[in-house]
PDB file of N, CA and C in Angstrom:
ATOM      1  N   UNK A   1    -163.435 -70.855 -22.837  1.00  0.00           N
ATOM      2  CA  UNK A   1    -163.691 -71.973 -21.960  1.00  0.00           C
ATOM      3  C   UNK A   1    -165.170 -72.000 -21.611  1.00  0.00           C
ATOM      4  N   UNK A   2    -165.768 -73.143 -21.603  1.00  0.00           N
ATOM      5  CA  UNK A   2    -167.176 -73.308 -21.262  1.00  0.00           C
ATOM      6  C   UNK A   2    -167.362 -73.150 -19.765  1.00  0.00           C
ATOM      7  N   UNK A   3    -168.395 -72.438 -19.380  1.00  0.00           N
ATOM      8  CA  UNK A   3    -168.668 -72.248 -17.958  1.00  0.00           C
ATOM      9  C   UNK A   3    -169.951 -72.976 -17.588  1.00  0.00           C
ATOM     10  N   UNK A   4    -169.937 -73.630 -16.449  1.00  0.00           N
ATOM     11  CA  UNK A   4    -171.140 -74.287 -15.941  1.00  0.00           C
ATOM     12  C   UNK A   4    -172.073 -73.224 -15.387  1.00  0.00           C
ATOM     13  N   UNK A   5    -173.379 -73.443 -15.523  1.00  0.00           N
ATOM     14  CA  UNK A   5    -174.308 -72.480 -14.961  1.00  0.00           C
ATOM     15  C   UNK A   5    -174.535 -72.702 -13.471  1.00  0.00           C
ATOM     16  N   UNK A   6    -174.160 -73.859 -12.965  1.00  0.00           N
ATOM     17  CA  UNK A   6    -174.304 -74.155 -11.536  1.00  0.00           C
ATOM     18  C   UNK A   6    -172.984 -74.729 -11.040  1.00  0.00           C
ATOM     19  N   UNK A   7    -172.541 -74.322  -9.853  1.00  0.00           N
ATOM     20  CA  UNK A   7    -171.339 -74.966  -9.313  1.00  0.00           C
ATOM     21  C   UNK A   7    -171.647 -76.418  -8.961  1.00  0.00           C
ATOM     22  N   UNK A   8    -170.647 -77.263  -9.116  1.00  0.00           N
ATOM     23  CA  UNK A   8    -170.824 -78.671  -8.766  1.00  0.00           C
ATOM     24  C   UNK A   8    -170.831 -78.833  -7.265  1.00  0.00           C
ATOM     25  N   UNK A   9    -171.691 -79.699  -6.803  1.00  0.00           N
ATOM     26  CA  UNK A   9    -171.703 -80.026  -5.380  1.00  0.00           C
ATOM     27  C   UNK A   9    -170.405 -80.726  -5.026  1.00  0.00           C
ATOM     28  N   UNK A  10    -169.973 -80.585  -3.795  1.00  0.00           N
ATOM     29  CA  UNK A  10    -168.709 -81.195  -3.353  1.00  0.00           C
ATOM     30  C   UNK A  10    -168.726 -82.703  -3.569  1.00  0.00           C
ATOM     31  N   UNK A  11    -169.857 -83.374  -3.286  1.00  0.00           N
ATOM     32  CA  UNK A  11    -169.904 -84.821  -3.455  1.00  0.00           C
ATOM     33  C   UNK A  11    -169.817 -85.209  -4.929  1.00  0.00           C
ATOM     34  N   UNK A  12    -170.404 -84.403  -5.829  1.00  0.00           N
ATOM     35  CA  UNK A  12    -170.309 -84.681  -7.262  1.00  0.00           C
ATOM     36  C   UNK A  12    -168.865 -84.502  -7.726  1.00  0.00           C
ATOM     37  N   UNK A  13    -168.204 -83.445  -7.256  1.00  0.00           N
ATOM     38  CA  UNK A  13    -166.820 -83.196  -7.637  1.00  0.00           C
ATOM     39  C   UNK A  13    -165.915 -84.334  -7.187  1.00  0.00           C
ATOM     40  N   UNK A  14    -166.168 -84.882  -6.004  1.00  0.00           N
ATOM     41  CA  UNK A  14    -165.335 -85.982  -5.514  1.00  0.00           C
ATOM     42  C   UNK A  14    -165.567 -87.249  -6.339  1.00  0.00           C
ATOM     43  N   UNK A  15    -166.772 -87.435  -6.887  1.00  0.00           N
ATOM     44  CA  UNK A  15    -167.045 -88.614  -7.724  1.00  0.00           C
ATOM     45  C   UNK A  15    -166.285 -88.550  -9.038  1.00  0.00           C
ATOM     46  N   UNK A  16    -165.979 -87.339  -9.530  1.00  0.00           N
ATOM     47  CA  UNK A  16    -165.284 -87.212 -10.814  1.00  0.00           C
ATOM     48  C   UNK A  16    -163.861 -87.740 -10.720  1.00  0.00           C
ATOM     49  N   UNK A  17    -163.163 -87.422  -9.659  1.00  0.00           N
ATOM     50  CA  UNK A  17    -161.841 -88.000  -9.394  1.00  0.00           C
ATOM     51  C   UNK A  17    -160.938 -88.098 -10.611  1.00  0.00           C
ATOM     52  N   UNK A  18    -160.941 -87.081 -11.467  1.00  0.00           N
ATOM     53  CA  UNK A  18    -160.066 -87.093 -12.631  1.00  0.00           C
ATOM     54  C   UNK A  18    -160.609 -87.839 -13.835  1.00  0.00           C
ATOM     55  N   UNK A  19    -161.790 -88.398 -13.762  1.00  0.00           N
ATOM     56  CA  UNK A  19    -162.372 -89.111 -14.898  1.00  0.00           C
ATOM     57  C   UNK A  19    -162.907 -88.112 -15.922  1.00  0.00           C
ATOM     58  N   UNK A  20    -162.867 -88.468 -17.194  1.00  0.00           N
ATOM     59  CA  UNK A  20    -163.387 -87.621 -18.251  1.00  0.00           C
ATOM     60  C   UNK A  20    -164.915 -87.704 -18.321  1.00  0.00           C
ATOM     61  N   UNK A  21    -165.459 -88.915 -18.229  1.00  0.00           N
ATOM     62  CA  UNK A  21    -166.906 -89.125 -18.267  1.00  0.00           C
ATOM     63  C   UNK A  21    -167.330 -89.824 -16.980  1.00  0.00           C
ATOM     64  N   UNK A  22    -168.339 -89.258 -16.325  1.00  0.00           N
ATOM     65  CA  UNK A  22    -168.893 -89.875 -15.124  1.00  0.00           C
ATOM     66  C   UNK A  22    -170.413 -89.838 -15.241  1.00  0.00           C
ATOM     67  N   UNK A  23    -171.014 -91.012 -15.125  1.00  0.00           N
ATOM     68  CA  UNK A  23    -172.470 -91.117 -15.030  1.00  0.00           C
ATOM     69  C   UNK A  23    -172.762 -91.761 -13.684  1.00  0.00           C
ATOM     70  N   UNK A  24    -173.696 -91.168 -12.956  1.00  0.00           N
ATOM     71  CA  UNK A  24    -174.000 -91.683 -11.622  1.00  0.00           C
ATOM     72  C   UNK A  24    -175.498 -91.938 -11.496  1.00  0.00           C
ATOM     73  N   UNK A  25    -175.851 -93.226 -11.340  1.00  0.00           N
ATOM     74  CA  UNK A  25    -177.245 -93.642 -11.134  1.00  0.00           C
ATOM     75  C   UNK A  25    -178.206 -93.045 -12.160  1.00  0.00           C
ATOM     76  N   UNK A  26    -177.842 -93.125 -13.430  1.00  0.00           N
ATOM     77  CA  UNK A  26    -178.672 -92.553 -14.495  1.00  0.00           C
ATOM     78  C   UNK A  26    -179.843 -93.481 -14.808  1.00  0.00           C
ATOM     79  N   UNK A  27    -181.016 -92.881 -14.852  1.00  0.00           N
ATOM     80  CA  UNK A  27    -182.245 -93.567 -15.226  1.00  0.00           C
ATOM     81  C   UNK A  27    -182.848 -92.795 -16.389  1.00  0.00           C
ATOM     82  N   UNK A  28    -183.321 -93.504 -17.395  1.00  0.00           N
ATOM     83  CA  UNK A  28    -184.064 -92.863 -18.481  1.00  0.00           C
ATOM     84  C   UNK A  28    -185.312 -93.681 -18.742  1.00  0.00           C
ATOM     85  N   UNK A  29    -186.453 -93.047 -18.528  1.00  0.00           N
ATOM     86  CA  UNK A  29    -187.738 -93.685 -18.746  1.00  0.00           C
ATOM     87  C   UNK A  29    -188.490 -92.905 -19.821  1.00  0.00           C
ATOM     88  N   UNK A  30    -188.998 -93.615 -20.804  1.00  0.00           N
ATOM     89  CA  UNK A  30    -189.801 -93.017 -21.869  1.00  0.00           C
ATOM     90  C   UNK A  30    -191.260 -93.369 -21.635  1.00  0.00           C
ATOM     91  N   UNK A  31    -192.141 -92.434 -21.911  1.00  0.00           N
ATOM     92  CA  UNK A  31    -193.574 -92.711 -21.856  1.00  0.00           C
ATOM     93  C   UNK A  31    -194.011 -93.201 -23.231  1.00  0.00           C
ATOM     94  N   UNK A  32    -194.617 -94.368 -23.288  1.00  0.00           N
ATOM     95  CA  UNK A  32    -195.087 -94.936 -24.545  1.00  0.00           C
ATOM     96  C   UNK A  32    -196.593 -95.175 -24.444  1.00  0.00           C
ATOM     97  N   UNK A  33    -197.196 -95.518 -25.572  1.00  0.00           N
ATOM     98  CA  UNK A  33    -198.633 -95.827 -25.576  1.00  0.00           C
ATOM     99  C   UNK A  33    -198.938 -97.006 -24.663  1.00  0.00           C
ATOM    100  N   UNK A  34    -197.983 -97.913 -24.524  1.00  0.00           N
ATOM    101  CA  UNK A  34    -198.167 -99.099 -23.672  1.00  0.00           C
ATOM    102  C   UNK A  34    -197.809 -98.821 -22.218  1.00  0.00           C
ATOM    103  N   UNK A  35    -197.366 -97.613 -21.924  1.00  0.00           N
ATOM    104  CA  UNK A  35    -196.959 -97.272 -20.561  1.00  0.00           C
ATOM    105  C   UNK A  35    -195.491 -96.927 -20.506  1.00  0.00           C
ATOM    106  N   UNK A  36    -194.952 -96.684 -19.319  1.00  0.00           N
ATOM    107  CA  UNK A  36    -193.541 -96.293 -19.201  1.00  0.00           C
ATOM    108  C   UNK A  36    -192.592 -97.429 -19.585  1.00  0.00           C
ATOM    109  N   UNK A  37    -191.508 -97.044 -20.263  1.00  0.00           N
ATOM    110  CA  UNK A  37    -190.461 -97.995 -20.644  1.00  0.00           C
ATOM    111  C   UNK A  37    -189.140 -97.448 -20.126  1.00  0.00           C
ATOM    112  N   UNK A  38    -188.452 -98.200 -19.275  1.00  0.00           N
ATOM    113  CA  UNK A  38    -187.171 -97.771 -18.724  1.00  0.00           C
ATOM    114  C   UNK A  38    -186.042 -98.328 -19.582  1.00  0.00           C
ATOM    115  N   UNK A  39    -185.357 -97.422 -20.287  1.00  0.00           N
ATOM    116  CA  UNK A  39    -184.257 -97.814 -21.177  1.00  0.00           C
ATOM    117  C   UNK A  39    -182.940 -97.944 -20.405  1.00  0.00           C
ATOM    118  N   UNK A  40    -182.747 -97.102 -19.410  1.00  0.00           N
ATOM    119  CA  UNK A  40    -181.556 -97.164 -18.558  1.00  0.00           C
ATOM    120  C   UNK A  40    -182.017 -97.172 -17.112  1.00  0.00           C
ATOM    121  N   UNK A  41    -181.457 -98.083 -16.339  1.00  0.00           N
ATOM    122  CA  UNK A  41    -181.871 -98.197 -14.937  1.00  0.00           C
ATOM    123  C   UNK A  41    -180.639 -98.174 -14.040  1.00  0.00           C
ATOM    124  N   UNK A  42    -180.444 -97.048 -13.357  1.00  0.00           N
ATOM    125  CA  UNK A  42    -179.344 -96.872 -12.403  1.00  0.00           C
ATOM    126  C   UNK A  42    -177.977 -97.196 -12.996  1.00  0.00           C
ATOM    127  N   UNK A  43    -177.687 -96.612 -14.155  1.00  0.00           N
ATOM    128  CA  UNK A  43    -176.408 -96.832 -14.824  1.00  0.00           C
ATOM    129  C   UNK A  43    -175.359 -95.883 -14.248  1.00  0.00           C
ATOM    130  N   UNK A  44    -174.247 -96.441 -13.826  1.00  0.00           N
ATOM    131  CA  UNK A  44    -173.102 -95.658 -13.368  1.00  0.00           C
ATOM    132  C   UNK A  44    -171.882 -96.126 -14.140  1.00  0.00           C
ATOM    133  N   UNK A  45    -171.079 -95.168 -14.592  1.00  0.00           N
ATOM    134  CA  UNK A  45    -169.833 -95.529 -15.278  1.00  0.00           C
ATOM    135  C   UNK A  45    -168.842 -94.399 -15.159  1.00  0.00           C
ATOM    136  N   UNK A  46    -167.590 -94.760 -15.333  1.00  0.00           N
ATOM    137  CA  UNK A  46    -166.490 -93.790 -15.340  1.00  0.00           C
ATOM    138  C   UNK A  46    -165.556 -94.149 -16.481  1.00  0.00           C
ATOM    139  N   UNK A  47    -165.181 -93.138 -17.257  1.00  0.00           N
ATOM    140  CA  UNK A  47    -164.246 -93.336 -18.358  1.00  0.00           C
ATOM    141  C   UNK A  47    -163.104 -92.349 -18.163  1.00  0.00           C
ATOM    142  N   UNK A  48    -161.890 -92.870 -18.189  1.00  0.00           N
ATOM    143  CA  UNK A  48    -160.703 -92.030 -18.029  1.00  0.00           C
ATOM    144  C   UNK A  48    -160.317 -91.373 -19.334  1.00  0.00           C
ATOM    145  N   UNK A  49    -159.600 -90.272 -19.239  1.00  0.00           N
ATOM    146  CA  UNK A  49    -159.028 -89.612 -20.402  1.00  0.00           C
ATOM    147  C   UNK A  49    -158.138 -90.596 -21.164  1.00  0.00           C
ATOM    148  N   UNK A  50    -158.278 -90.632 -22.485  1.00  0.00           N
ATOM    149  CA  UNK A  50    -157.443 -91.499 -23.308  1.00  0.00           C
ATOM    150  C   UNK A  50    -157.902 -92.939 -23.365  1.00  0.00           C
ATOM    151  N   UNK A  51    -158.904 -93.294 -22.603  1.00  0.00           N
ATOM    152  CA  UNK A  51    -159.412 -94.661 -22.588  1.00  0.00           C
ATOM    153  C   UNK A  51    -160.293 -94.888 -23.815  1.00  0.00           C
ATOM    154  N   UNK A  52    -160.205 -96.058 -24.400  1.00  0.00           N
ATOM    155  CA  UNK A  52    -161.027 -96.444 -25.553  1.00  0.00           C
ATOM    156  C   UNK A  52    -162.119 -97.369 -25.049  1.00  0.00           C
ATOM    157  N   UNK A  53    -163.375 -97.013 -25.326  1.00  0.00           N
ATOM    158  CA  UNK A  53    -164.509 -97.773 -24.811  1.00  0.00           C
ATOM    159  C   UNK A  53    -165.429 -98.143 -25.962  1.00  0.00           C
ATOM    160  N   UNK A  54    -165.889 -99.376 -25.972  1.00  0.00           N
ATOM    161  CA  UNK A  54    -166.888 -99.830 -26.948  1.00  0.00           C
ATOM    162  C   UNK A  54    -168.163-100.166 -26.183  1.00  0.00           C
ATOM    163  N   UNK A  55    -169.285 -99.774 -26.761  1.00  0.00           N
ATOM    164  CA  UNK A  55    -170.581-100.081 -26.155  1.00  0.00           C
ATOM    165  C   UNK A  55    -171.263-101.089 -27.066  1.00  0.00           C
ATOM    166  N   UNK A  56    -171.496-102.279 -26.539  1.00  0.00           N
ATOM    167  CA  UNK A  56    -172.119-103.328 -27.332  1.00  0.00           C
ATOM    168  C   UNK A  56    -173.337-103.883 -26.597  1.00  0.00           C
ATOM    169  N   UNK A  57    -174.247-104.423 -27.359  1.00  0.00           N
ATOM    170  CA  UNK A  57    -175.437-105.017 -26.773  1.00  0.00           C
ATOM    171  C   UNK A  57    -176.470-105.254 -27.851  1.00  0.00           C
ATOM    172  N   UNK A  58    -177.475-106.024 -27.511  1.00  0.00           N
ATOM    173  CA  UNK A  58    -178.497-106.349 -28.496  1.00  0.00           C
ATOM    174  C   UNK A  58    -179.391-105.138 -28.752  1.00  0.00           C
ATOM    175  N   UNK A  59    -180.172-105.216 -29.792  1.00  0.00           N
ATOM    176  CA  UNK A  59    -181.101-104.159 -30.147  1.00  0.00           C
ATOM    177  C   UNK A  59    -182.054-103.901 -28.982  1.00  0.00           C
ATOM    178  N   UNK A  60    -182.216-102.627 -28.643  1.00  0.00           N
ATOM    179  CA  UNK A  60    -183.124-102.264 -27.560  1.00  0.00           C
ATOM    180  C   UNK A  60    -182.518-102.317 -26.174  1.00  0.00           C
ATOM    181  N   UNK A  61    -181.199-102.550 -26.095  1.00  0.00           N
ATOM    182  CA  UNK A  61    -180.578-102.684 -24.773  1.00  0.00           C
ATOM    183  C   UNK A  61    -180.193-101.348 -24.139  1.00  0.00           C
ATOM    184  N   UNK A  62    -180.316-100.235 -24.886  1.00  0.00           N
ATOM    185  CA  UNK A  62    -180.040 -98.919 -24.310  1.00  0.00           C
ATOM    186  C   UNK A  62    -178.749 -98.265 -24.768  1.00  0.00           C
ATOM    187  N   UNK A  63    -178.088 -98.828 -25.777  1.00  0.00           N
ATOM    188  CA  UNK A  63    -176.813 -98.266 -26.253  1.00  0.00           C
ATOM    189  C   UNK A  63    -176.973 -96.826 -26.735  1.00  0.00           C
ATOM    190  N   UNK A  64    -177.927 -96.597 -27.615  1.00  0.00           N
ATOM    191  CA  UNK A  64    -178.152 -95.244 -28.151  1.00  0.00           C
ATOM    192  C   UNK A  64    -178.609 -94.294 -27.063  1.00  0.00           C
ATOM    193  N   UNK A  65    -179.444 -94.760 -26.172  1.00  0.00           N
ATOM    194  CA  UNK A  65    -179.907 -93.928 -25.064  1.00  0.00           C
ATOM    195  C   UNK A  65    -178.726 -93.523 -24.187  1.00  0.00           C
ATOM    196  N   UNK A  66    -177.821 -94.441 -23.919  1.00  0.00           N
ATOM    197  CA  UNK A  66    -176.622 -94.140 -23.132  1.00  0.00           C
ATOM    198  C   UNK A  66    -175.802 -93.050 -23.816  1.00  0.00           C
ATOM    199  N   UNK A  67    -175.569 -93.190 -25.116  1.00  0.00           N
ATOM    200  CA  UNK A  67    -174.806 -92.183 -25.854  1.00  0.00           C
ATOM    201  C   UNK A  67    -175.533 -90.844 -25.890  1.00  0.00           C
ATOM    202  N   UNK A  68    -176.849 -90.877 -25.983  1.00  0.00           N
ATOM    203  CA  UNK A  68    -177.623 -89.635 -25.962  1.00  0.00           C
ATOM    204  C   UNK A  68    -177.501 -88.916 -24.619  1.00  0.00           C
ATOM    205  N   UNK A  69    -177.336 -89.657 -23.536  1.00  0.00           N
ATOM    206  CA  UNK A  69    -177.122 -89.049 -22.223  1.00  0.00           C
ATOM    207  C   UNK A  69    -175.742 -88.377 -22.176  1.00  0.00           C
ATOM    208  N   UNK A  70    -174.743 -89.066 -22.693  1.00  0.00           N
ATOM    209  CA  UNK A  70    -173.368 -88.547 -22.662  1.00  0.00           C
ATOM    210  C   UNK A  70    -173.230 -87.293 -23.515  1.00  0.00           C
ATOM    211  N   UNK A  71    -173.883 -87.260 -24.665  1.00  0.00           N
ATOM    212  CA  UNK A  71    -173.769 -86.121 -25.581  1.00  0.00           C
ATOM    213  C   UNK A  71    -174.745 -84.996 -25.254  1.00  0.00           C
ATOM    214  N   UNK A  72    -175.657 -85.233 -24.331  1.00  0.00           N
ATOM    215  CA  UNK A  72    -176.639 -84.212 -23.992  1.00  0.00           C
ATOM    216  C   UNK A  72    -177.772 -84.104 -24.986  1.00  0.00           C
ATOM    217  N   UNK A  73    -177.860 -85.051 -25.917  1.00  0.00           N
ATOM    218  CA  UNK A  73    -178.969 -85.050 -26.873  1.00  0.00           C
ATOM    219  C   UNK A  73    -180.276 -85.299 -26.135  1.00  0.00           C
ATOM    220  N   UNK A  74    -180.208 -86.102 -25.105  1.00  0.00           N
ATOM    221  CA  UNK A  74    -181.365 -86.377 -24.254  1.00  0.00           C
ATOM    222  C   UNK A  74    -180.929 -86.198 -22.806  1.00  0.00           C
ATOM    223  N   UNK A  75    -181.895 -86.043 -21.939  1.00  0.00           N
ATOM    224  CA  UNK A  75    -181.593 -85.827 -20.524  1.00  0.00           C
ATOM    225  C   UNK A  75    -182.095 -87.004 -19.697  1.00  0.00           C
ATOM    226  N   UNK A  76    -181.374 -87.322 -18.647  1.00  0.00           N
ATOM    227  CA  UNK A  76    -181.820 -88.433 -17.800  1.00  0.00           C
ATOM    228  C   UNK A  76    -183.093 -88.085 -17.038  1.00  0.00           C
ATOM    229  N   UNK A  77    -183.897 -89.092 -16.769  1.00  0.00           N
ATOM    230  CA  UNK A  77    -185.062 -88.920 -15.898  1.00  0.00           C
ATOM    231  C   UNK A  77    -184.592 -88.744 -14.459  1.00  0.00           C
ATOM    232  N   UNK A  78    -183.465 -89.358 -14.133  1.00  0.00           N
ATOM    233  CA  UNK A  78    -182.835 -89.225 -12.812  1.00  0.00           C
ATOM    234  C   UNK A  78    -181.349 -89.505 -12.981  1.00  0.00           C
ATOM    235  N   UNK A  79    -180.551 -89.020 -12.047  1.00  0.00           N
ATOM    236  CA  UNK A  79    -179.114 -89.262 -12.075  1.00  0.00           C
ATOM    237  C   UNK A  79    -178.335 -88.075 -12.605  1.00  0.00           C
ATOM    238  N   UNK A  80    -177.023 -88.277 -12.726  1.00  0.00           N
ATOM    239  CA  UNK A  80    -176.107 -87.197 -13.105  1.00  0.00           C
ATOM    240  C   UNK A  80    -175.173 -87.649 -14.217  1.00  0.00           C
ATOM    241  N   UNK A  81    -174.853 -86.694 -15.116  1.00  0.00           N
ATOM    242  CA  UNK A  81    -173.910 -86.947 -16.193  1.00  0.00           C
ATOM    243  C   UNK A  81    -172.921 -85.790 -16.225  1.00  0.00           C
ATOM    244  N   UNK A  82    -171.639 -86.113 -16.054  1.00  0.00           N
ATOM    245  CA  UNK A  82    -170.576 -85.112 -16.102  1.00  0.00           C
ATOM    246  C   UNK A  82    -169.584 -85.483 -17.201  1.00  0.00           C
ATOM    247  N   UNK A  83    -169.248 -84.524 -18.033  1.00  0.00           N
ATOM    248  CA  UNK A  83    -168.209 -84.698 -19.043  1.00  0.00           C
ATOM    249  C   UNK A  83    -167.159 -83.634 -18.768  1.00  0.00           C
ATOM    250  N   UNK A  84    -165.967 -84.065 -18.413  1.00  0.00           N
ATOM    251  CA  UNK A  84    -164.859 -83.153 -18.109  1.00  0.00           C
ATOM    252  C   UNK A  84    -165.306 -82.029 -17.169  1.00  0.00           C
ATOM    253  N   UNK A  85    -165.954 -82.399 -16.097  1.00  0.00           N
ATOM    254  CA  UNK A  85    -166.438 -81.496 -15.044  1.00  0.00           C
ATOM    255  C   UNK A  85    -167.615 -80.612 -15.462  1.00  0.00           C
ATOM    256  N   UNK A  86    -168.188 -80.849 -16.635  1.00  0.00           N
ATOM    257  CA  UNK A  86    -169.387 -80.123 -17.044  1.00  0.00           C
ATOM    258  C   UNK A  86    -170.605 -80.957 -16.704  1.00  0.00           C
ATOM    259  N   UNK A  87    -171.539 -80.352 -16.029  1.00  0.00           N
ATOM    260  CA  UNK A  87    -172.775 -81.013 -15.626  1.00  0.00           C
ATOM    261  C   UNK A  87    -173.738 -81.021 -16.820  1.00  0.00           C
ATOM    262  N   UNK A  88    -173.615 -82.029 -17.678  1.00  0.00           N
ATOM    263  CA  UNK A  88    -174.404 -82.092 -18.907  1.00  0.00           C
ATOM    264  C   UNK A  88    -175.894 -82.149 -18.585  1.00  0.00           C
ATOM    265  N   UNK A  89    -176.268 -82.819 -17.508  1.00  0.00           N
ATOM    266  CA  UNK A  89    -177.676 -82.954 -17.139  1.00  0.00           C
ATOM    267  C   UNK A  89    -178.264 -81.667 -16.559  1.00  0.00           C
ATOM    268  N   UNK A  90    -177.420 -80.713 -16.221  1.00  0.00           N
ATOM    269  CA  UNK A  90    -177.901 -79.543 -15.500  1.00  0.00           C
ATOM    270  C   UNK A  90    -177.783 -78.218 -16.225  1.00  0.00           C
ATOM    271  N   UNK A  91    -177.400 -78.208 -17.500  1.00  0.00           N
ATOM    272  CA  UNK A  91    -177.254 -76.930 -18.206  1.00  0.00           C
ATOM    273  C   UNK A  91    -178.386 -76.753 -19.209  1.00  0.00           C
ATOM    274  N   UNK A  92    -178.670 -75.512 -19.537  1.00  0.00           N
ATOM    275  CA  UNK A  92    -179.752 -75.178 -20.455  1.00  0.00           C
ATOM    276  C   UNK A  92    -179.432 -75.564 -21.901  1.00  0.00           C
ATOM    277  N   UNK A  93    -180.455 -75.568 -22.726  1.00  0.00           N
ATOM    278  CA  UNK A  93    -180.311 -76.005 -24.121  1.00  0.00           C
ATOM    279  C   UNK A  93    -179.322 -75.156 -24.914  1.00  0.00           C
ATOM    280  N   UNK A  94    -179.363 -73.827 -24.769  1.00  0.00           N
ATOM    281  CA  UNK A  94    -178.450 -72.987 -25.554  1.00  0.00           C
ATOM    282  C   UNK A  94    -177.007 -73.194 -25.108  1.00  0.00           C
ATOM    283  N   UNK A  95    -176.792 -73.310 -23.803  1.00  0.00           N
ATOM    284  CA  UNK A  95    -175.439 -73.593 -23.308  1.00  0.00           C
ATOM    285  C   UNK A  95    -174.982 -74.971 -23.765  1.00  0.00           C
ATOM    286  N   UNK A  96    -175.897 -75.923 -23.759  1.00  0.00           N
ATOM    287  CA  UNK A  96    -175.580 -77.287 -24.180  1.00  0.00           C
ATOM    288  C   UNK A  96    -175.179 -77.321 -25.652  1.00  0.00           C
ATOM    289  N   UNK A  97    -175.874 -76.564 -26.484  1.00  0.00           N
ATOM    290  CA  UNK A  97    -175.539 -76.504 -27.913  1.00  0.00           C
ATOM    291  C   UNK A  97    -174.139 -75.921 -28.109  1.00  0.00           C
ATOM    292  N   UNK A  98    -173.800 -74.862 -27.371  1.00  0.00           N
ATOM    293  CA  UNK A  98    -172.448 -74.281 -27.468  1.00  0.00           C
ATOM    294  C   UNK A  98    -171.401 -75.272 -26.977  1.00  0.00           C
ATOM    295  N   UNK A  99    -171.699 -75.959 -25.868  1.00  0.00           N
ATOM    296  CA  UNK A  99    -170.767 -76.944 -25.316  1.00  0.00           C
ATOM    297  C   UNK A  99    -170.514 -78.056 -26.328  1.00  0.00           C
ATOM    298  N   UNK A 100    -171.584 -78.583 -26.935  1.00  0.00           N
ATOM    299  CA  UNK A 100    -171.436 -79.640 -27.943  1.00  0.00           C
ATOM    300  C   UNK A 100    -170.563 -79.166 -29.097  1.00  0.00           C
ATOM    301  N   UNK A 101    -170.806 -77.950 -29.570  1.00  0.00           N
ATOM    302  CA  UNK A 101    -170.043 -77.406 -30.699  1.00  0.00           C
ATOM    303  C   UNK A 101    -168.559 -77.283 -30.403  1.00  0.00           C
ATOM    304  N   UNK A 102    -168.220 -77.012 -29.160  1.00  0.00           N
ATOM    305  CA  UNK A 102    -166.812 -76.832 -28.781  1.00  0.00           C
ATOM    306  C   UNK A 102    -166.126 -78.127 -28.365  1.00  0.00           C
ATOM    307  N   UNK A 103    -166.896 -79.128 -27.908  1.00  0.00           N
ATOM    308  CA  UNK A 103    -166.285 -80.271 -27.249  1.00  0.00           C
ATOM    309  C   UNK A 103    -166.566 -81.634 -27.860  1.00  0.00           C
ATOM    310  N   UNK A 104    -167.549 -81.760 -28.735  1.00  0.00           N
ATOM    311  CA  UNK A 104    -167.930 -83.076 -29.238  1.00  0.00           C
ATOM    312  C   UNK A 104    -167.904 -83.137 -30.749  1.00  0.00           C
ATOM    313  N   UNK A 105    -167.659 -84.329 -31.239  1.00  0.00           N
ATOM    314  CA  UNK A 105    -167.871 -84.659 -32.639  1.00  0.00           C
ATOM    315  C   UNK A 105    -168.772 -85.875 -32.664  1.00  0.00           C
ATOM    316  N   UNK A 106    -169.919 -85.747 -33.303  1.00  0.00           N
ATOM    317  CA  UNK A 106    -170.894 -86.832 -33.320  1.00  0.00           C
ATOM    318  C   UNK A 106    -171.150 -87.245 -34.757  1.00  0.00           C
ATOM    319  N   UNK A 107    -171.014 -88.547 -35.037  1.00  0.00           N
ATOM    320  CA  UNK A 107    -171.369 -89.087 -36.348  1.00  0.00           C
ATOM    321  C   UNK A 107    -172.524 -90.041 -36.118  1.00  0.00           C
ATOM    322  N   UNK A 108    -173.685 -89.699 -36.663  1.00  0.00           N
ATOM    323  CA  UNK A 108    -174.860 -90.521 -36.463  1.00  0.00           C
ATOM    324  C   UNK A 108    -174.886 -91.678 -37.428  1.00  0.00           C
ATOM    325  N   UNK A 109    -175.432 -92.791 -36.997  1.00  0.00           N
ATOM    326  CA  UNK A 109    -175.530 -93.979 -37.843  1.00  0.00           C
ATOM    327  C   UNK A 109    -176.370 -93.677 -39.078  1.00  0.00           C
ATOM    328  N   UNK A 110    -177.490 -93.022 -38.893  1.00  0.00           N
ATOM    329  CA  UNK A 110    -178.357 -92.626 -39.998  1.00  0.00           C
ATOM    330  C   UNK A 110    -178.325 -91.106 -40.048  1.00  0.00           C
ATOM    331  N   UNK A 111    -177.528 -90.550 -40.958  1.00  0.00           N
ATOM    332  CA  UNK A 111    -177.215 -89.124 -40.938  1.00  0.00           C
ATOM    333  C   UNK A 111    -178.034 -88.292 -41.906  1.00  0.00           C
ATOM    334  N   UNK A 112    -178.923 -88.917 -42.695  1.00  0.00           N
ATOM    335  CA  UNK A 112    -179.700 -88.128 -43.636  1.00  0.00           C
ATOM    336  C   UNK A 112    -180.808 -87.484 -42.868  1.00  0.00           C
TER     337      UNK A 112
END
């Protein structure tokens, strides 16, 4: 079983409320040559176990960035991401790699 490196705060635990995926006020800002670009701005979502979810939107709308937050490929600039009570935003890289190996299957659009 995967262990979190930090106990969840009581308020974070209450936000999970049995949901499999919880994102709370997630912000992701990238630094570019033209200045900061905010790909996600205060995104909150909850996905229940067994629920089927599709993420759609135009190019550049933040779909890939959202998925990168959920899978731990990237980290939010602000906010929280929990997957099955694991604080994805708060664990170290080596723990995150082990967690991904045990809990996720990722198929990339461009896999070469």
